Every structure is written in C-alpha cells, then in structure tokens.
Protein backbone atom coordinates (compact mmCIF):
# COMPACT_ATOMS: atom_id res chain seq x y z
CA UNK A 1 86.95 143.56 180.57
CA UNK A 2 88.41 146.61 179.70
CA UNK A 3 87.89 145.60 175.78
CA UNK A 4 84.46 145.07 176.42
CA UNK A 5 83.62 147.75 178.71
CA UNK A 6 84.69 149.37 176.26
CA UNK A 7 82.82 147.95 173.13
CA UNK A 8 79.30 147.62 175.47
CA UNK A 9 79.22 149.65 178.06
CA UNK A 10 76.96 148.39 180.79
CA UNK A 11 75.07 146.74 177.63
CA UNK A 12 75.79 143.76 179.78
CA UNK A 13 73.36 141.31 181.32
CA UNK A 14 73.17 141.75 184.79
CA UNK A 15 71.21 138.06 185.92
CA UNK A 16 70.44 139.60 189.61
CA UNK A 17 68.36 142.97 187.73
CA UNK A 18 66.81 140.92 185.59
CA UNK A 19 65.21 138.03 187.87
CA UNK A 20 64.15 141.38 190.19
CA UNK A 21 62.43 142.67 187.24
CA UNK A 22 60.91 139.99 185.84
CA UNK A 23 59.19 139.47 189.13
CA UNK A 24 57.85 142.83 188.99
CA UNK A 25 56.18 142.20 185.60
CA UNK A 26 52.41 141.30 185.86
CA UNK A 27 52.23 139.53 183.19
CA UNK A 28 48.33 139.56 182.51
CA UNK A 29 48.65 143.03 181.77
CA UNK A 30 51.92 143.03 179.30
CA UNK A 31 51.64 145.45 176.46
CA UNK A 32 50.53 143.68 173.49
CA UNK A 33 51.69 145.72 170.52
CA UNK A 34 55.24 146.90 171.30
CA UNK A 35 57.06 149.40 168.82
CA UNK A 36 60.14 150.69 168.91
CA UNK A 37 62.74 154.00 167.03
CA UNK A 38 65.98 151.58 167.34
CA UNK A 39 68.22 155.27 167.58
CA UNK A 40 71.95 155.91 168.62
CA UNK A 41 73.86 153.79 166.25
CA UNK A 42 76.34 156.31 165.20
CA UNK A 43 76.53 158.44 168.32
CA UNK A 44 77.34 154.56 170.38
CA UNK A 45 80.04 153.67 167.96
CA UNK A 46 81.48 158.04 167.48
CA UNK A 47 81.94 157.86 171.11
CA UNK A 48 84.03 154.60 170.86
CA UNK A 49 86.27 155.49 167.91
CA UNK A 50 84.27 153.05 165.41
CA UNK A 51 83.02 153.99 162.49
CA UNK A 52 79.28 154.45 161.99
CA UNK A 53 79.35 150.91 160.39
CA UNK A 54 80.22 149.07 164.20
CA UNK A 55 77.21 150.69 165.56
CA UNK A 56 74.92 149.37 163.39
CA UNK A 57 76.50 145.45 164.21
CA UNK A 58 76.02 146.24 167.57
CA UNK A 59 72.39 147.39 166.78
CA UNK A 60 71.93 144.22 165.57
CA UNK A 61 72.82 142.67 168.71
CA UNK A 62 70.58 144.63 170.43
CA UNK A 63 67.38 143.91 167.82
CA UNK A 64 67.77 139.84 168.89
CA UNK A 65 68.57 140.29 172.11
CA UNK A 66 64.45 142.10 172.23
CA UNK A 67 62.93 140.01 169.76
CA UNK A 68 63.89 137.00 172.28
CA UNK A 69 62.63 138.73 175.50
CA UNK A 70 59.57 139.81 173.66
CA UNK A 71 58.88 136.10 172.29
CA UNK A 72 59.44 134.59 175.98
CA UNK A 73 58.13 136.85 177.72
CA UNK A 74 54.38 136.43 175.30
CA UNK A 75 54.52 139.84 173.74
CA UNK A 76 52.48 139.54 170.74
CA UNK A 77 53.54 141.73 168.00
CA UNK A 78 57.51 143.66 168.21
CA UNK A 79 57.52 146.38 165.46
CA UNK A 80 60.95 148.32 164.68
CA UNK A 81 61.69 151.03 162.78
CA UNK A 82 64.86 150.07 160.44
CA UNK A 83 65.14 152.28 157.67
CA UNK A 84 63.13 155.19 157.17
CA UNK A 85 62.07 157.00 153.86
CA UNK A 86 64.86 159.60 155.10
CA UNK A 87 68.01 157.46 155.44
CA UNK A 88 67.94 156.98 151.37
CA UNK A 89 70.14 160.60 152.16
CA UNK A 90 72.73 159.51 154.22
CA UNK A 91 76.10 158.78 152.28
CA UNK A 92 75.75 155.54 149.92
CA UNK A 93 78.13 153.86 151.91
CA UNK A 94 75.98 153.73 154.96
CA UNK A 95 73.09 152.47 153.14
CA UNK A 96 74.53 150.01 151.42
CA UNK A 97 75.77 148.54 154.74
CA UNK A 98 72.41 148.64 156.67
CA UNK A 99 71.03 146.69 153.74
CA UNK A 100 73.82 143.97 153.97
CA UNK A 101 73.21 143.63 157.18
CA UNK A 102 69.57 142.98 157.54
CA UNK A 103 70.47 140.56 154.27
CA UNK A 104 72.63 139.48 156.70
CA UNK A 105 70.56 139.28 159.96
CA UNK A 106 67.45 138.00 157.96
CA UNK A 107 69.85 135.04 156.74
CA UNK A 108 71.32 134.09 160.56
CA UNK A 109 68.54 134.28 162.27
CA UNK A 110 65.68 133.21 160.09
CA UNK A 111 65.85 129.34 161.51
CA UNK A 112 65.59 130.53 164.72
CA UNK A 113 63.66 132.88 165.21
CA UNK A 114 61.31 129.69 162.69
CA UNK A 115 61.82 127.74 165.32
CA UNK A 116 60.32 129.84 168.50
CA UNK A 117 57.32 130.59 166.28
CA UNK A 118 58.43 134.06 165.02
CA UNK A 119 56.18 135.65 162.43
CA UNK A 120 58.31 138.27 160.06
CA UNK A 121 56.61 140.81 157.95
CA UNK A 122 57.94 144.36 156.95
CA UNK A 123 55.90 147.87 156.54
CA UNK A 124 56.84 150.58 153.87
CA UNK A 125 57.67 150.43 149.94
CA UNK A 126 59.96 147.29 150.08
CA UNK A 127 59.61 147.52 146.44
CA UNK A 128 62.20 150.14 146.50
CA UNK A 129 64.48 148.06 148.06
CA UNK A 130 68.21 146.08 147.04
CA UNK A 131 67.10 142.96 144.91
CA UNK A 132 68.90 141.35 147.85
CA UNK A 133 66.92 142.52 150.98
CA UNK A 134 63.96 142.06 148.90
CA UNK A 135 64.79 137.91 148.35
CA UNK A 136 65.56 137.70 152.17
CA UNK A 137 62.51 139.34 153.29
CA UNK A 138 60.54 137.31 150.79
CA UNK A 139 62.30 134.10 151.75
CA UNK A 140 61.37 135.15 155.52
CA UNK A 141 58.18 135.83 154.45
CA UNK A 142 57.52 132.32 153.49
CA UNK A 143 58.85 130.28 156.04
CA UNK A 144 57.49 132.19 158.72
CA UNK A 145 54.07 133.23 157.34
CA UNK A 146 52.33 130.56 159.44
CA UNK A 147 53.82 131.07 162.84
CA UNK A 148 51.64 132.31 165.38
CA UNK A 149 54.14 133.62 168.10
CA UNK A 150 55.42 137.05 168.13
CA UNK A 151 55.20 139.64 165.25
CA UNK A 152 58.22 140.57 163.95
CA UNK A 153 57.82 143.43 161.92
CA UNK A 154 60.49 145.87 160.19
CA UNK A 155 59.65 149.04 159.54
CA UNK A 156 61.72 149.62 156.17
CA UNK A 157 61.79 152.45 153.86
CA UNK A 158 58.78 153.30 156.06
CA UNK A 159 57.88 156.83 156.44
CA UNK A 160 54.43 157.85 158.80
CA UNK A 161 53.10 160.36 156.63
CA UNK A 162 53.96 158.51 153.12
CA UNK A 163 51.44 155.40 154.60
CA UNK A 164 48.68 158.18 155.67
CA UNK A 165 49.75 159.60 151.64
CA UNK A 166 48.95 156.25 149.73
CA UNK A 167 45.59 155.15 152.35
CA UNK A 168 44.61 158.19 150.75
CA UNK A 169 45.06 157.81 147.41
CA UNK A 170 43.94 154.41 148.09
CA UNK A 171 40.63 155.32 149.72
CA UNK A 172 40.21 157.99 146.97
CA UNK A 173 40.63 155.64 144.72
CA UNK A 174 37.51 153.77 145.31
CA UNK A 175 35.42 156.50 145.71
CA UNK A 176 35.99 157.88 142.40
CA UNK A 177 35.03 153.92 140.83
CA UNK A 178 31.87 154.12 143.08
CA UNK A 179 32.99 151.39 145.42
CA UNK A 180 32.98 153.25 148.48
CA UNK A 181 30.64 155.57 149.09
CA UNK A 182 32.22 159.39 151.02
CA UNK A 183 30.66 159.05 153.92
CA UNK A 184 31.12 155.87 154.59
CA UNK A 185 34.55 156.91 155.30
CA UNK A 186 35.97 156.24 158.79
CA UNK A 187 39.10 155.20 161.02
CA UNK A 188 37.97 151.94 160.36
CA UNK A 189 37.99 152.25 156.77
CA UNK A 190 41.48 154.41 157.10
CA UNK A 191 43.10 151.14 159.56
CA UNK A 192 42.01 148.96 156.56
CA UNK A 193 43.94 151.39 154.15
CA UNK A 194 46.90 151.59 155.65
CA UNK A 195 50.57 148.77 155.92
CA UNK A 196 49.88 148.06 159.36
CA UNK A 197 46.39 146.86 158.32
CA UNK A 198 45.43 143.33 160.56
CA UNK A 199 48.07 144.42 163.10
CA UNK A 200 46.57 146.48 166.48
CA UNK A 201 47.95 149.90 167.74
CA UNK A 202 50.82 149.21 169.65
CA UNK A 203 50.03 149.86 173.27
CA UNK A 204 54.01 150.74 174.39
CA UNK A 205 56.44 153.23 171.84
CA UNK A 206 60.06 153.03 173.24
CA UNK A 207 62.75 155.58 171.79
CA UNK A 208 65.80 155.15 172.86
CA UNK A 209 69.02 158.07 172.53
CA UNK A 210 67.86 160.21 174.45
CA UNK A 211 66.30 162.06 171.84
CA UNK A 212 62.48 163.03 172.65
CA UNK A 213 60.76 162.83 169.39
CA UNK A 214 59.12 159.98 167.15
CA UNK A 215 60.08 160.80 163.29
CA UNK A 216 56.96 159.73 161.18
CA UNK A 217 56.95 156.44 162.84
CA UNK A 218 53.33 154.98 163.06
CA UNK A 219 51.72 158.37 163.42
CA UNK A 220 48.36 157.67 162.79
CA UNK A 221 48.48 154.22 164.54
CA UNK A 222 50.46 155.93 167.95
CA UNK A 223 47.62 157.91 169.00
CA UNK A 224 47.12 156.47 172.27
CA UNK A 225 49.96 154.89 172.51
CA UNK A 226 52.13 155.49 175.97
CA UNK A 227 55.71 156.70 174.91
CA UNK A 228 58.45 155.73 177.02
CA UNK A 229 62.15 157.65 176.27
CA UNK A 230 65.63 156.46 177.35
CA UNK A 231 68.98 157.85 177.25
CA UNK A 232 70.27 154.84 176.49
CA UNK A 233 72.46 154.05 173.10
CA UNK A 234 70.46 151.40 170.80
CA UNK A 235 73.67 149.32 170.77
CA UNK A 236 73.24 149.53 174.80
CA UNK A 237 69.68 148.54 174.85
CA UNK A 238 69.36 145.48 175.84
CA UNK A 239 66.72 143.14 177.77
CA UNK A 240 66.97 145.12 181.20
CA UNK A 241 66.10 148.38 179.78
CA UNK A 242 62.63 146.56 177.32
CA UNK A 243 61.41 145.28 181.36
CA UNK A 244 61.80 148.60 182.85
CA UNK A 245 59.66 150.64 179.78
CA UNK A 246 57.24 147.63 180.87
CA UNK A 247 56.76 147.84 184.33
CA UNK A 248 56.72 151.83 184.04
CA UNK A 249 53.87 150.73 180.90
CA UNK A 250 51.47 149.12 184.01
CA UNK A 251 51.94 151.78 186.75
CA UNK A 252 50.44 153.94 183.81
CA UNK A 253 46.18 154.22 183.32
CA UNK A 254 45.04 154.59 179.60
CA UNK A 255 41.50 156.57 179.63
CA UNK A 256 42.14 156.64 175.87
CA UNK A 257 40.52 160.00 175.92
CA UNK A 258 38.01 159.44 178.83
CA UNK A 259 37.74 160.02 181.90
C-alpha cells in the first residue's frame, strides 16, 4: 500500500465514486468530441523523486484508462496532445523516450483497440517523426481504419499555429492555380484544409496539471469549446476525473456567441 500511494497517490480507482458519477451523467447529452492536453508528467515524477521517464510511462496508463472510458461511454472522438512542435527543444534523451513510448503503446494496445472498434488517426507533421514511430502509426491506421467506434486522434509533432499556416499556404496555392476564387474563401474552406478535416470541433477541452493555457493546441477548432481545468497531474488523471469534467460540461449552456 505504501509504495502504491507513493507512486500513484489518489489515482487509485474508486468504484463507489465512479458509480455515483456515472449515475449523474445524462447519456443523451454527451460531448461528441473531447480533446485533452496531457500535461504534468515531469512534475508528477519530480514530486516522487523519479526520473521524468517514469512520469511519461505513468501518463500512458492514464491514456489507456481514458480511452477505455470514452469508448465505453460512446464518445465519438477523443483527441490527445501527445507531442508538440515545441517538444523537440527538450533533451534528446527525453524525446527518444517519448518516441519509444509511442511505439510501445501502439504495439501493446493496438489489438485491444481494434477489438473495441477504436479507430486510430494522427494529426501533425507525422513525416518528421522517427521511422519506427511512422511505421507503428501506419500499422495502426491500416488495422483500425475501418472501425466505427471511438476515433482516437494523436496530435504528434503538432502545433496549432503551424496547422493554420499550412492551411493558408494550401488555400493560397489553389487560388494561384485558379482552382479557387479569392471571394469563395470562408470558414468551410479553411476547415477543409486543416489536419482535422472531417472531424467535428471539440465540445470539451480538458487541461490537467493546474496550468491555465491552451498551449498552441487546436487554435481554430477550439473557438467555441468548453474548457475544463484540473489541478490533477496527467499521470494521476483517471476515469473519475473525466466523469467530473463531463458532468460539469453538461451543466453549462452553450450559446456559440448567441443569446
């Protein structure tokens, strides 16, 4: 018990609390798309006197739990911020660990994800990832591509500003080639040139770790998202916290700029 408490603190499952929260959720008003900024792995490890790698590995367990919960609830889309364009600035050893964890996660989880009808996709400059990560992602896309349950989108080598810049470049190219009239450019056209084309905007964006910012994540898509912040560090974030976020989401009135 002492070792478990040291490592995971209050993240142990609480069936009674989960049952109570599940009973409070309106299954007819679930968010269609949940996006999560997975943050706090390093601080989680530091508070326990562990290397940062231990925090990242513990964060994978949180992802596993949240994916299972979203799938069982019937959430249609889950997008997680796994590696930003700025994360390349971290020490090379840590970057290597993160890439290795990505490959390991996909290798271990893919069969179960497929069995649970989960579709895996990714957004970002995937072509700049290490070959092993690209191969693991390609295998995941091929295996789960026809699944119709939860769509799990991994934001990898992703930056919201970069995504918009690339969309502008593509649109400008079409205008220069005479394929698109300048006056025809509207929100629909922009949406069609983003990484997330074909996906609805996130209804609920969750940021664990106590930080109150969006960190260059889904800048265009988040225009009318409901934001939910939690002081819980990502490796300690579990089903109970996701249920709390959904309940809070369901209490809000979404006006989308109207009355």
